[in-house]
Amino acid sequence: MGRAIAIVEDEPAIRANYTDALRRLGFEVQSYSSRPEASRGFDVRLPDLVLIDIGLGDEPEGGFDLCRELRQKSATLPIIFLTARDSDFDIISGLRLGADDYLTKDVSLPHLTARINTLFRRIDALRRPQGAEAVLRQGQLSLLPERMLVTWNEVEVPLTVTEFWMVHTMVRHPGHVKSRDQLMRDAQVVVDDATITSHIKRIRKKFIAIDPNFDEIDTVHGAGYRWKP
């Protein structure tokens, strides 16, 4: 079987359609109709990627709650919200909770498949052995691409796939300003400026939780972001 994808969707017809389509593409698919059912399944085994609807049965925010649970289990598990809700508030909320992508249900199957494969490629690329020179160090930061591991003062920073890639992009060229377009291209996401800003804020918060004096990411107004050299 291929990679394992979990779908958490309360509408039976939609759940069945996505399950059948992804199985035809060679993925191993497990589907869940509610947050509690998915939680029990994830306690037994985490998949390689999760697709989550926001509203689940009688829980209008059940998908958000499930995302929180999953992030406690794994910082790097790829999570995509796939939902009918397209408000800026919901999109920003989903990304702030640690999702790697946010798609609406009118997305085509080829587009959805491309987003899934992009996340898998990013993980594969970062985990590919690159020899002893793979460790990037900047001051108190160490970044190990093949293990998708970032530490600050030797404490692990729990970054998502997208957050890891953005930090990786800035740390590789400290002092160089990375525009929002460059961050999107390097992280292989297509989002608006506000969403990039939310990702950066979330990254900062994770470092500050370890070191309240953390101040290594500069906002260069009108240009983008940089890692201080």
C-alpha atoms as a PDB file:
ATOM      1  CA  MET A   1       0.000   0.000   0.000  1.00  0.00           C
ATOM      2  CA  GLY A   2       0.995   3.641  -0.460  1.00  0.00           C
ATOM      3  CA  ARG A   3       1.193   6.358   2.128  1.00  0.00           C
ATOM      4  CA  ALA A   4      -1.523   6.434   4.758  1.00  0.00           C
ATOM      5  CA  ILE A   5      -3.989   9.336   4.598  1.00  0.00           C
ATOM      6  CA  ALA A   6      -6.786   9.898   7.116  1.00  0.00           C
ATOM      7  CA  ILE A   7      -9.962  11.775   6.165  1.00  0.00           C
ATOM      8  CA  VAL A   8     -12.118  13.271   8.919  1.00  0.00           C
ATOM      9  CA  GLU A   9     -15.439  14.298   7.328  1.00  0.00           C
ATOM     10  CA  ASP A  10     -18.982  14.022   8.687  1.00  0.00           C
ATOM     11  CA  GLU A  11     -20.832  13.984   5.333  1.00  0.00           C
ATOM     12  CA  PRO A  12     -20.981  10.311   4.239  1.00  0.00           C
ATOM     13  CA  ALA A  13     -21.135  10.995   0.486  1.00  0.00           C
ATOM     14  CA  ILE A  14     -18.233  13.444   0.528  1.00  0.00           C
ATOM     15  CA  ARG A  15     -16.216  11.125   2.778  1.00  0.00           C
ATOM     16  CA  ALA A  16     -16.807   8.183   0.435  1.00  0.00           C
ATOM     17  CA  ASN A  17     -15.932  10.218  -2.675  1.00  0.00           C
ATOM     18  CA  TYR A  18     -12.594  11.408  -1.308  1.00  0.00           C
ATOM     19  CA  THR A  19     -11.795   7.959   0.084  1.00  0.00           C
ATOM     20  CA  ASP A  20     -12.450   6.238  -3.263  1.00  0.00           C
ATOM     21  CA  ALA A  21     -10.579   8.887  -5.257  1.00  0.00           C
ATOM     22  CA  LEU A  22      -7.466   8.775  -3.079  1.00  0.00           C
ATOM     23  CA  ARG A  23      -7.446   4.971  -2.984  1.00  0.00           C
ATOM     24  CA  ARG A  24      -7.521   4.942  -6.793  1.00  0.00           C
ATOM     25  CA  LEU A  25      -4.405   7.109  -6.674  1.00  0.00           C
ATOM     26  CA  GLY A  26      -2.635   4.456  -4.595  1.00  0.00           C
ATOM     27  CA  PHE A  27      -2.987   5.889  -1.099  1.00  0.00           C
ATOM     28  CA  GLU A  28      -3.997   3.841   1.918  1.00  0.00           C
ATOM     29  CA  VAL A  29      -7.035   5.694   3.261  1.00  0.00           C
ATOM     30  CA  GLN A  30      -8.748   5.569   6.642  1.00  0.00           C
ATOM     31  CA  SER A  31     -11.913   7.626   7.056  1.00  0.00           C
ATOM     32  CA  TYR A  32     -13.602   8.943  10.195  1.00  0.00           C
ATOM     33  CA  SER A  33     -16.987  10.613  10.629  1.00  0.00           C
ATOM     34  CA  SER A  34     -16.418  12.435  13.939  1.00  0.00           C
ATOM     35  CA  ARG A  35     -13.718  13.918  16.133  1.00  0.00           C
ATOM     36  CA  PRO A  36     -14.020  11.261  18.897  1.00  0.00           C
ATOM     37  CA  GLU A  37     -13.833   8.430  16.346  1.00  0.00           C
ATOM     38  CA  ALA A  38     -10.764  10.006  14.721  1.00  0.00           C
ATOM     39  CA  SER A  39      -9.126  10.611  18.117  1.00  0.00           C
ATOM     40  CA  ARG A  40      -9.498   6.926  19.016  1.00  0.00           C
ATOM     41  CA  GLY A  41      -8.023   5.899  15.680  1.00  0.00           C
ATOM     42  CA  PHE A  42      -5.072   8.280  16.004  1.00  0.00           C
ATOM     43  CA  ASP A  43      -4.324   6.947  19.489  1.00  0.00           C
ATOM     44  CA  VAL A  44      -3.690   3.575  17.832  1.00  0.00           C
ATOM     45  CA  ARG A  45      -1.817   4.828  14.772  1.00  0.00           C
ATOM     46  CA  LEU A  46      -0.958   8.174  13.240  1.00  0.00           C
ATOM     47  CA  PRO A  47      -1.288   8.365   9.450  1.00  0.00           C
ATOM     48  CA  ASP A  48       1.213  10.060   7.135  1.00  0.00           C
ATOM     49  CA  LEU A  49      -1.167  12.967   6.417  1.00  0.00           C
ATOM     50  CA  VAL A  50      -4.596  14.111   7.646  1.00  0.00           C
ATOM     51  CA  LEU A  51      -7.447  15.882   5.838  1.00  0.00           C
ATOM     52  CA  ILE A  52      -9.861  17.518   8.296  1.00  0.00           C
ATOM     53  CA  ASP A  53     -13.208  19.275   7.918  1.00  0.00           C
ATOM     54  CA  ILE A  54     -13.860  22.021  10.499  1.00  0.00           C
ATOM     55  CA  GLY A  55     -17.488  21.308  11.351  1.00  0.00           C
ATOM     56  CA  LEU A  56     -17.890  17.698  12.488  1.00  0.00           C
ATOM     57  CA  GLY A  57     -21.403  16.545  13.376  1.00  0.00           C
ATOM     58  CA  ASP A  58     -22.625  18.452  16.414  1.00  0.00           C
ATOM     59  CA  GLU A  59     -19.193  20.052  16.908  1.00  0.00           C
ATOM     60  CA  PRO A  60     -18.993  23.208  14.757  1.00  0.00           C
ATOM     61  CA  GLU A  61     -15.312  23.622  15.697  1.00  0.00           C
ATOM     62  CA  GLY A  62     -14.508  19.905  15.990  1.00  0.00           C
ATOM     63  CA  GLY A  63     -11.851  20.045  13.277  1.00  0.00           C
ATOM     64  CA  PHE A  64     -10.002  22.819  15.076  1.00  0.00           C
ATOM     65  CA  ASP A  65     -10.072  20.787  18.299  1.00  0.00           C
ATOM     66  CA  LEU A  66      -8.773  17.719  16.463  1.00  0.00           C
ATOM     67  CA  CYS A  67      -5.952  19.757  14.910  1.00  0.00           C
ATOM     68  CA  ARG A  68      -4.893  20.836  18.417  1.00  0.00           C
ATOM     69  CA  GLU A  69      -4.882  17.195  19.555  1.00  0.00           C
ATOM     70  CA  LEU A  70      -2.818  16.095  16.559  1.00  0.00           C
ATOM     71  CA  ARG A  71      -0.252  18.845  17.055  1.00  0.00           C
ATOM     72  CA  GLN A  72       0.264  17.611  20.615  1.00  0.00           C
ATOM     73  CA  LYS A  73       0.985  14.150  19.209  1.00  0.00           C
ATOM     74  CA  SER A  74       3.236  15.283  16.354  1.00  0.00           C
ATOM     75  CA  ALA A  75       4.705  18.651  15.389  1.00  0.00           C
ATOM     76  CA  THR A  76       5.492  17.563  11.836  1.00  0.00           C
ATOM     77  CA  LEU A  77       2.453  15.487  10.777  1.00  0.00           C
ATOM     78  CA  PRO A  78       1.106  17.167   7.606  1.00  0.00           C
ATOM     79  CA  ILE A  79      -2.408  18.518   8.267  1.00  0.00           C
ATOM     80  CA  ILE A  80      -4.700  19.978   5.597  1.00  0.00           C
ATOM     81  CA  PHE A  81      -8.043  21.566   6.368  1.00  0.00           C
ATOM     82  CA  LEU A  82     -10.528  20.632   3.630  1.00  0.00           C
ATOM     83  CA  THR A  83     -13.727  22.507   4.354  1.00  0.00           C
ATOM     84  CA  ALA A  84     -16.619  24.502   2.912  1.00  0.00           C
ATOM     85  CA  ARG A  85     -15.765  27.382   5.251  1.00  0.00           C
ATOM     86  CA  ASP A  86     -13.765  29.995   3.364  1.00  0.00           C
ATOM     87  CA  SER A  87     -13.756  33.044   5.641  1.00  0.00           C
ATOM     88  CA  ASP A  88     -10.440  34.741   6.361  1.00  0.00           C
ATOM     89  CA  PHE A  89     -11.083  34.173  10.076  1.00  0.00           C
ATOM     90  CA  ASP A  90     -11.390  30.398   9.619  1.00  0.00           C
ATOM     91  CA  ILE A  91      -8.330  30.212   7.359  1.00  0.00           C
ATOM     92  CA  ILE A  92      -6.151  32.188   9.767  1.00  0.00           C
ATOM     93  CA  SER A  93      -7.521  30.185  12.728  1.00  0.00           C
ATOM     94  CA  GLY A  94      -6.659  26.894  11.026  1.00  0.00           C
ATOM     95  CA  LEU A  95      -3.124  27.965  10.200  1.00  0.00           C
ATOM     96  CA  ARG A  96      -2.557  29.400  13.668  1.00  0.00           C
ATOM     97  CA  LEU A  97      -3.457  25.999  15.093  1.00  0.00           C
ATOM     98  CA  GLY A  98      -0.641  24.501  13.054  1.00  0.00           C
ATOM     99  CA  ALA A  99      -2.243  23.259   9.827  1.00  0.00           C
ATOM    100  CA  ASP A 100       0.081  23.165   6.815  1.00  0.00           C
ATOM    101  CA  ASP A 101      -2.572  23.984   4.228  1.00  0.00           C
ATOM    102  CA  TYR A 102      -6.196  25.119   3.991  1.00  0.00           C
ATOM    103  CA  LEU A 103      -8.359  24.189   1.001  1.00  0.00           C
ATOM    104  CA  THR A 104     -12.045  24.647   0.294  1.00  0.00           C
ATOM    105  CA  LYS A 105     -14.206  21.782  -0.923  1.00  0.00           C
ATOM    106  CA  ASP A 106     -14.595  23.264  -4.407  1.00  0.00           C
ATOM    107  CA  VAL A 107     -10.935  22.379  -5.000  1.00  0.00           C
ATOM    108  CA  SER A 108     -10.423  19.974  -7.887  1.00  0.00           C
ATOM    109  CA  LEU A 109      -9.086  16.488  -7.221  1.00  0.00           C
ATOM    110  CA  PRO A 110      -5.899  17.173  -9.261  1.00  0.00           C
ATOM    111  CA  HIS A 111      -5.265  20.315  -7.158  1.00  0.00           C
ATOM    112  CA  LEU A 112      -5.890  18.447  -3.896  1.00  0.00           C
ATOM    113  CA  THR A 113      -3.591  15.637  -5.025  1.00  0.00           C
ATOM    114  CA  ALA A 114      -0.909  18.167  -5.941  1.00  0.00           C
ATOM    115  CA  ARG A 115      -1.086  19.749  -2.486  1.00  0.00           C
ATOM    116  CA  ILE A 116      -0.836  16.328  -0.816  1.00  0.00           C
ATOM    117  CA  ASN A 117       2.120  15.293  -2.970  1.00  0.00           C
ATOM    118  CA  THR A 118       3.848  18.626  -2.333  1.00  0.00           C
ATOM    119  CA  LEU A 119       3.757  18.037   1.425  1.00  0.00           C
ATOM    120  CA  PHE A 120       5.110  14.512   0.984  1.00  0.00           C
ATOM    121  CA  ARG A 121       7.900  15.747  -1.325  1.00  0.00           C
ATOM    122  CA  ARG A 122       8.915  18.399   1.181  1.00  0.00           C
ATOM    123  CA  ILE A 123       9.165  15.816   3.946  1.00  0.00           C
ATOM    124  CA  ASP A 124      11.122  13.429   1.709  1.00  0.00           C
ATOM    125  CA  ALA A 125      13.532  16.174   0.623  1.00  0.00           C
ATOM    126  CA  LEU A 126      14.210  17.302   4.168  1.00  0.00           C
ATOM    127  CA  ARG A 127      14.719  13.764   5.455  1.00  0.00           C
ATOM    128  CA  ARG A 128      17.027  12.674   2.652  1.00  0.00           C
ATOM    129  CA  PRO A 129      20.505  11.996   4.085  1.00  0.00           C
ATOM    130  CA  GLN A 130      22.857  14.823   3.147  1.00  0.00           C
ATOM    131  CA  GLY A 131      25.978  13.879   5.055  1.00  0.00           C
ATOM    132  CA  ALA A 132      27.699  15.512   7.990  1.00  0.00           C
ATOM    133  CA  GLU A 133      27.475  19.003   6.468  1.00  0.00           C
ATOM    134  CA  ALA A 134      23.666  18.987   6.625  1.00  0.00           C
ATOM    135  CA  VAL A 135      23.524  20.722  10.020  1.00  0.00           C
ATOM    136  CA  LEU A 136      22.913  24.464   9.752  1.00  0.00           C
ATOM    137  CA  ARG A 137      23.983  26.534  12.741  1.00  0.00           C
ATOM    138  CA  GLN A 138      23.278  30.178  13.495  1.00  0.00           C
ATOM    139  CA  GLY A 139      24.146  31.244  17.013  1.00  0.00           C
ATOM    140  CA  GLN A 140      21.945  29.248  19.377  1.00  0.00           C
ATOM    141  CA  LEU A 141      20.021  27.648  16.520  1.00  0.00           C
ATOM    142  CA  SER A 142      20.762  24.233  15.029  1.00  0.00           C
ATOM    143  CA  LEU A 143      18.790  22.933  12.049  1.00  0.00           C
ATOM    144  CA  LEU A 144      19.035  19.311  10.874  1.00  0.00           C
ATOM    145  CA  PRO A 145      17.183  18.999   7.538  1.00  0.00           C
ATOM    146  CA  GLU A 146      17.251  15.203   7.263  1.00  0.00           C
ATOM    147  CA  ARG A 147      15.506  14.870  10.625  1.00  0.00           C
ATOM    148  CA  MET A 148      13.297  17.960  10.224  1.00  0.00           C
ATOM    149  CA  LEU A 149      14.649  19.081  13.580  1.00  0.00           C
ATOM    150  CA  VAL A 150      15.225  22.617  14.823  1.00  0.00           C
ATOM    151  CA  THR A 151      16.685  23.311  18.259  1.00  0.00           C
ATOM    152  CA  TRP A 152      17.247  26.575  20.130  1.00  0.00           C
ATOM    153  CA  ASN A 153      19.633  26.430  23.075  1.00  0.00           C
ATOM    154  CA  GLU A 154      19.547  22.638  22.493  1.00  0.00           C
ATOM    155  CA  VAL A 155      15.754  22.566  23.085  1.00  0.00           C
ATOM    156  CA  GLU A 156      13.617  21.254  20.223  1.00  0.00           C
ATOM    157  CA  VAL A 157      11.295  23.801  18.574  1.00  0.00           C
ATOM    158  CA  PRO A 158       8.070  22.001  17.527  1.00  0.00           C
ATOM    159  CA  LEU A 159       7.601  23.353  13.993  1.00  0.00           C
ATOM    160  CA  THR A 160       5.113  22.138  11.391  1.00  0.00           C
ATOM    161  CA  VAL A 161       6.319  21.159   7.911  1.00  0.00           C
ATOM    162  CA  THR A 162       5.504  24.601   6.501  1.00  0.00           C
ATOM    163  CA  GLU A 163       7.040  26.451   9.456  1.00  0.00           C
ATOM    164  CA  PHE A 164      10.184  24.320   9.245  1.00  0.00           C
ATOM    165  CA  TRP A 165      10.606  25.102   5.551  1.00  0.00           C
ATOM    166  CA  MET A 166      10.225  28.856   6.172  1.00  0.00           C
ATOM    167  CA  VAL A 167      12.838  28.819   8.943  1.00  0.00           C
ATOM    168  CA  HIS A 168      15.106  26.695   6.728  1.00  0.00           C
ATOM    169  CA  THR A 169      14.773  29.261   3.925  1.00  0.00           C
ATOM    170  CA  MET A 170      15.707  32.211   6.153  1.00  0.00           C
ATOM    171  CA  VAL A 171      18.512  30.457   8.059  1.00  0.00           C
ATOM    172  CA  ARG A 172      20.274  29.321   4.876  1.00  0.00           C
ATOM    173  CA  HIS A 173      20.909  32.977   3.990  1.00  0.00           C
ATOM    174  CA  PRO A 174      21.022  34.965   7.232  1.00  0.00           C
ATOM    175  CA  GLY A 175      20.754  38.705   6.721  1.00  0.00           C
ATOM    176  CA  HIS A 176      19.101  38.298   3.329  1.00  0.00           C
ATOM    177  CA  VAL A 177      15.521  39.568   3.154  1.00  0.00           C
ATOM    178  CA  LYS A 178      13.074  36.924   1.963  1.00  0.00           C
ATOM    179  CA  SER A 179       9.928  38.382   0.429  1.00  0.00           C
ATOM    180  CA  ARG A 180       6.557  36.819   1.096  1.00  0.00           C
ATOM    181  CA  ASP A 181       6.593  35.535  -2.496  1.00  0.00           C
ATOM    182  CA  GLN A 182       9.970  33.857  -1.919  1.00  0.00           C
ATOM    183  CA  LEU A 183       8.766  32.271   1.321  1.00  0.00           C
ATOM    184  CA  MET A 184       5.677  30.976  -0.473  1.00  0.00           C
ATOM    185  CA  ARG A 185       7.738  29.595  -3.344  1.00  0.00           C
ATOM    186  CA  ASP A 186      10.336  27.945  -1.102  1.00  0.00           C
ATOM    187  CA  ALA A 187       7.679  26.522   1.247  1.00  0.00           C
ATOM    188  CA  GLN A 188       5.590  25.493  -1.782  1.00  0.00           C
ATOM    189  CA  VAL A 189       2.395  27.056  -0.495  1.00  0.00           C
ATOM    190  CA  VAL A 190       0.054  29.470  -2.256  1.00  0.00           C
ATOM    191  CA  VAL A 191      -1.487  31.790   0.309  1.00  0.00           C
ATOM    192  CA  ASP A 192      -2.081  35.500   0.828  1.00  0.00           C
ATOM    193  CA  ASP A 193       0.209  37.918   2.667  1.00  0.00           C
ATOM    194  CA  ALA A 194      -1.853  37.761   5.862  1.00  0.00           C
ATOM    195  CA  THR A 195      -1.375  33.988   6.017  1.00  0.00           C
ATOM    196  CA  ILE A 196       2.398  34.276   5.631  1.00  0.00           C
ATOM    197  CA  THR A 197       2.325  36.840   8.440  1.00  0.00           C
ATOM    198  CA  SER A 198       0.395  34.378  10.611  1.00  0.00           C
ATOM    199  CA  HIS A 199       2.965  31.650   9.959  1.00  0.00           C
ATOM    200  CA  ILE A 200       5.816  33.987  10.944  1.00  0.00           C
ATOM    201  CA  LYS A 201       3.992  35.057  14.125  1.00  0.00           C
ATOM    202  CA  ARG A 202       3.456  31.425  15.045  1.00  0.00           C
ATOM    203  CA  ILE A 203       7.140  30.611  14.425  1.00  0.00           C
ATOM    204  CA  ARG A 204       8.216  33.509  16.644  1.00  0.00           C
ATOM    205  CA  LYS A 205       5.885  32.390  19.442  1.00  0.00           C
ATOM    206  CA  LYS A 206       7.351  28.896  19.416  1.00  0.00           C
ATOM    207  CA  PHE A 207      10.898  30.231  19.819  1.00  0.00           C
ATOM    208  CA  ILE A 208       9.816  32.750  22.473  1.00  0.00           C
ATOM    209  CA  ALA A 209       8.181  29.935  24.454  1.00  0.00           C
ATOM    210  CA  ILE A 210      11.689  28.467  24.786  1.00  0.00           C
ATOM    211  CA  ASP A 211      13.586  31.755  25.099  1.00  0.00           C
ATOM    212  CA  PRO A 212      11.639  34.919  26.035  1.00  0.00           C
ATOM    213  CA  ASN A 213      14.554  36.995  24.663  1.00  0.00           C
ATOM    214  CA  PHE A 214      14.352  35.452  21.180  1.00  0.00           C
ATOM    215  CA  ASP A 215      14.514  38.204  18.537  1.00  0.00           C
ATOM    216  CA  GLU A 216      16.217  36.664  15.516  1.00  0.00           C
ATOM    217  CA  ILE A 217      13.495  37.187  12.885  1.00  0.00           C
ATOM    218  CA  ASP A 218      13.315  40.730  11.531  1.00  0.00           C
ATOM    219  CA  THR A 219      10.264  42.119   9.791  1.00  0.00           C
ATOM    220  CA  VAL A 220      11.472  44.385   6.979  1.00  0.00           C
ATOM    221  CA  HIS A 221       8.364  46.442   6.290  1.00  0.00           C
ATOM    222  CA  GLY A 222       7.312  46.378   2.667  1.00  0.00           C
ATOM    223  CA  ALA A 223       9.964  43.802   1.804  1.00  0.00           C
ATOM    224  CA  GLY A 224       9.619  40.626   3.866  1.00  0.00           C
ATOM    225  CA  TYR A 225      11.519  38.835   6.630  1.00  0.00           C
ATOM    226  CA  ARG A 226      15.099  37.912   7.434  1.00  0.00           C
ATOM    227  CA  TRP A 227      17.043  35.898   9.961  1.00  0.00           C
ATOM    228  CA  LYS A 228      19.528  38.152  11.744  1.00  0.00           C
ATOM    229  CA  PRO A 229      23.132  37.289  10.809  1.00  0.00           C
END
